[in-house]
Amino acid sequence: MITTSFSRRFALAALFLVPAPRVYAGTDKGLPLSPSDETALKAVLEKYRTGWLSGDTDAVRSSFTDDAVLMPHHGNPPVVGMVAINEFWFPASSTKTKITKFAQTLDEVSGEGTLAYVRGKSEVAWTVEDHGKSQRWRNAGNFLAIFRKQVDGKWLISRLIWDDPPNQRID
């Protein structure tokens, strides 16, 4: 017969041998994306898309982390950080660019913990006006956006890469 003292010691020892569930101090690293995370990721891309369409540069900028990196098409060098991104997309110039179409199809939304990605296709059309002359352009291709969940739980784009053929003039 096993003594009560031995039973208690065995039970206590068994507690230390049973793997505990993963617990992360202040993060959800390793956990799959929740449906609300997926909704939040899609909302960031929608804010980004509609920001371009409405000419709301603050909406576009606020979709990114401060240390975001753009990896443009055609082998252009990466654009690192919001200061460089601002200069890349919104340079001080007499040329005015208006996005007239921006459609996105999301093919995959996935991730784990505080990192996620969205992959899909996009089509963009725009008008460029400079010194009274206007040109219309369009392009389409694939994109990959990598997101980082912030301390406050908000998802932001950390890396954005796109590929597409050279711009097509549609005038």
Protein backbone atom coordinates (compact mmCIF):
# COMPACT_ATOMS: atom_id res chain seq x y z
CA MET A 1 0.00 0.00 0.00
CA ILE A 2 1.30 3.47 -0.91
CA THR A 3 1.46 5.91 1.92
CA THR A 4 -0.39 9.23 1.78
CA SER A 5 2.90 11.10 2.12
CA PHE A 6 4.35 9.32 -0.92
CA SER A 7 1.16 9.97 -2.94
CA ARG A 8 1.37 13.70 -2.23
CA ARG A 9 5.07 13.85 -3.18
CA PHE A 10 4.39 11.89 -6.38
CA ALA A 11 1.52 14.18 -7.36
CA LEU A 12 3.65 17.26 -6.66
CA ALA A 13 6.53 15.87 -8.75
CA ALA A 14 4.15 14.98 -11.59
CA LEU A 15 3.01 18.61 -11.77
CA PHE A 16 6.54 19.66 -12.68
CA LEU A 17 6.87 16.96 -15.32
CA VAL A 18 3.66 17.74 -17.21
CA PRO A 19 4.30 20.32 -19.92
CA ALA A 20 2.58 23.57 -19.11
CA PRO A 21 0.71 25.49 -21.78
CA ARG A 22 2.83 28.12 -23.52
CA VAL A 23 2.58 31.42 -21.72
CA TYR A 24 4.22 34.54 -23.08
CA ALA A 25 4.87 37.59 -20.99
CA GLY A 26 2.94 40.39 -22.66
CA THR A 27 2.79 38.82 -26.13
CA ASP A 28 0.85 36.23 -28.03
CA LYS A 29 3.93 34.97 -29.89
CA GLY A 30 3.34 31.60 -31.43
CA LEU A 31 -0.44 31.76 -31.31
CA PRO A 32 -2.39 31.58 -34.57
CA LEU A 33 -4.14 34.69 -35.88
CA SER A 34 -7.61 35.19 -34.51
CA PRO A 35 -10.56 36.12 -36.74
CA SER A 36 -10.35 39.65 -35.27
CA ASP A 37 -6.64 39.81 -36.23
CA GLU A 38 -7.52 38.85 -39.80
CA THR A 39 -10.24 41.51 -39.87
CA ALA A 40 -7.77 44.10 -38.51
CA LEU A 41 -5.17 43.23 -41.17
CA LYS A 42 -7.72 43.62 -43.94
CA ALA A 43 -8.85 46.93 -42.42
CA VAL A 44 -5.29 48.31 -42.53
CA LEU A 45 -5.02 47.44 -46.22
CA GLU A 46 -8.42 48.99 -46.88
CA LYS A 47 -7.38 52.19 -45.07
CA TYR A 48 -4.19 52.23 -47.14
CA ARG A 49 -6.12 51.65 -50.39
CA THR A 50 -8.83 54.24 -49.72
CA GLY A 51 -6.22 56.70 -48.44
CA TRP A 52 -4.58 56.61 -51.86
CA LEU A 53 -7.93 56.97 -53.65
CA SER A 54 -9.00 59.97 -51.54
CA GLY A 55 -5.59 61.65 -51.58
CA ASP A 56 -5.35 61.25 -47.78
CA THR A 57 -1.58 60.97 -47.35
CA ASP A 58 -1.95 60.71 -43.56
CA ALA A 59 -4.12 57.59 -43.95
CA VAL A 60 -1.47 56.07 -46.22
CA ARG A 61 1.39 56.95 -43.86
CA SER A 62 -0.42 55.80 -40.72
CA SER A 63 -0.79 52.31 -42.19
CA PHE A 64 2.96 51.73 -41.69
CA THR A 65 5.40 51.28 -38.83
CA ASP A 66 8.01 54.04 -38.44
CA ASP A 67 10.74 51.64 -39.56
CA ALA A 68 8.77 50.25 -42.52
CA VAL A 69 10.54 49.20 -45.71
CA LEU A 70 9.16 49.42 -49.24
CA MET A 71 10.64 47.03 -51.79
CA PRO A 72 9.54 48.51 -55.11
CA HIS A 73 9.29 46.80 -58.44
CA HIS A 74 11.88 46.72 -61.23
CA GLY A 75 14.82 46.20 -58.89
CA ASN A 76 14.60 49.70 -57.44
CA PRO A 77 16.47 49.96 -54.14
CA PRO A 78 14.52 49.48 -50.90
CA VAL A 79 13.01 52.57 -49.32
CA VAL A 80 13.74 52.39 -45.58
CA GLY A 81 11.84 54.29 -42.88
CA MET A 82 8.95 56.74 -42.98
CA VAL A 83 11.09 59.77 -43.85
CA ALA A 84 12.36 58.01 -46.99
CA ILE A 85 8.91 56.59 -47.77
CA ASN A 86 7.42 60.08 -47.54
CA GLU A 87 10.07 61.42 -49.96
CA PHE A 88 9.53 58.44 -52.30
CA TRP A 89 5.73 58.70 -52.49
CA PHE A 90 5.06 62.36 -51.66
CA PRO A 91 8.00 64.44 -52.91
CA ALA A 92 7.81 68.23 -52.87
CA SER A 93 7.21 68.96 -56.55
CA SER A 94 4.98 70.84 -58.97
CA THR A 95 3.85 67.48 -60.37
CA LYS A 96 0.48 66.32 -59.02
CA THR A 97 -0.45 62.66 -59.02
CA LYS A 98 -4.01 61.47 -58.40
CA ILE A 99 -4.84 57.80 -57.93
CA THR A 100 -7.99 57.10 -59.95
CA LYS A 101 -8.26 53.35 -59.39
CA PHE A 102 -6.83 51.06 -56.73
CA ALA A 103 -8.25 47.55 -56.58
CA GLN A 104 -6.86 44.78 -54.40
CA THR A 105 -7.63 41.08 -54.30
CA LEU A 106 -6.42 39.31 -51.17
CA ASP A 107 -5.33 35.74 -51.89
CA GLU A 108 -3.88 34.78 -48.51
CA VAL A 109 -3.97 36.12 -44.97
CA SER A 110 -1.82 34.30 -42.44
CA GLY A 111 0.61 34.70 -39.60
CA GLU A 112 1.40 33.81 -36.05
CA GLY A 113 1.71 35.83 -32.88
CA THR A 114 2.85 39.35 -33.66
CA LEU A 115 3.79 38.78 -37.31
CA ALA A 116 1.38 38.36 -40.20
CA TYR A 117 1.30 38.69 -43.95
CA VAL A 118 -1.22 39.34 -46.69
CA ARG A 119 -0.56 38.30 -50.27
CA GLY A 120 -2.59 39.30 -53.28
CA LYS A 121 -2.96 41.22 -56.51
CA SER A 122 -3.51 44.89 -57.13
CA GLU A 123 -4.38 47.18 -60.00
CA VAL A 124 -3.64 50.89 -59.87
CA ALA A 125 -4.41 53.71 -62.30
CA TRP A 126 -3.35 57.33 -61.87
CA THR A 127 -3.17 60.71 -63.55
CA VAL A 128 -0.06 62.86 -63.50
CA GLU A 129 -0.39 66.61 -64.05
CA ASP A 130 2.64 68.79 -64.61
CA HIS A 131 2.68 72.31 -65.98
CA GLY A 132 -0.80 71.96 -67.47
CA LYS A 133 -0.09 68.63 -69.17
CA SER A 134 -1.85 65.47 -68.08
CA GLN A 135 -0.95 61.81 -68.56
CA ARG A 136 -2.84 58.71 -67.48
CA TRP A 137 -1.09 55.53 -66.38
CA ARG A 138 -1.96 52.09 -65.04
CA ASN A 139 -0.30 49.03 -63.63
CA ALA A 140 -1.17 45.69 -62.08
CA GLY A 141 0.75 42.99 -60.27
CA ASN A 142 1.29 40.99 -57.10
CA PHE A 143 2.04 42.31 -53.62
CA LEU A 144 3.11 40.99 -50.25
CA ALA A 145 2.56 43.02 -47.09
CA ILE A 146 4.18 41.93 -43.84
CA PHE A 147 2.55 43.26 -40.67
CA ARG A 148 3.78 43.66 -37.10
CA LYS A 149 1.40 43.85 -34.18
CA GLN A 150 2.18 46.87 -32.04
CA VAL A 151 2.28 46.99 -28.23
CA ASP A 152 -1.21 48.55 -28.25
CA GLY A 153 -2.54 45.60 -30.30
CA LYS A 154 -2.77 47.58 -33.55
CA TRP A 155 -1.48 45.94 -36.74
CA LEU A 156 0.72 48.03 -39.08
CA ILE A 157 2.55 47.29 -42.32
CA SER A 158 6.23 46.69 -41.67
CA ARG A 159 7.33 45.59 -45.16
CA LEU A 160 5.62 46.03 -48.52
CA ILE A 161 6.86 44.49 -51.74
CA TRP A 162 5.23 44.58 -55.15
CA ASP A 163 6.02 43.38 -58.63
CA ASP A 164 4.48 44.46 -61.86
CA PRO A 165 5.47 45.13 -65.44
CA PRO A 166 6.65 48.60 -66.43
CA ASN A 167 3.94 51.25 -66.13
CA GLN A 168 1.54 51.43 -69.05
CA ARG A 169 0.47 54.80 -70.40
CA ILE A 170 -3.26 54.76 -71.24
CA ASP A 171 -3.62 58.11 -73.05
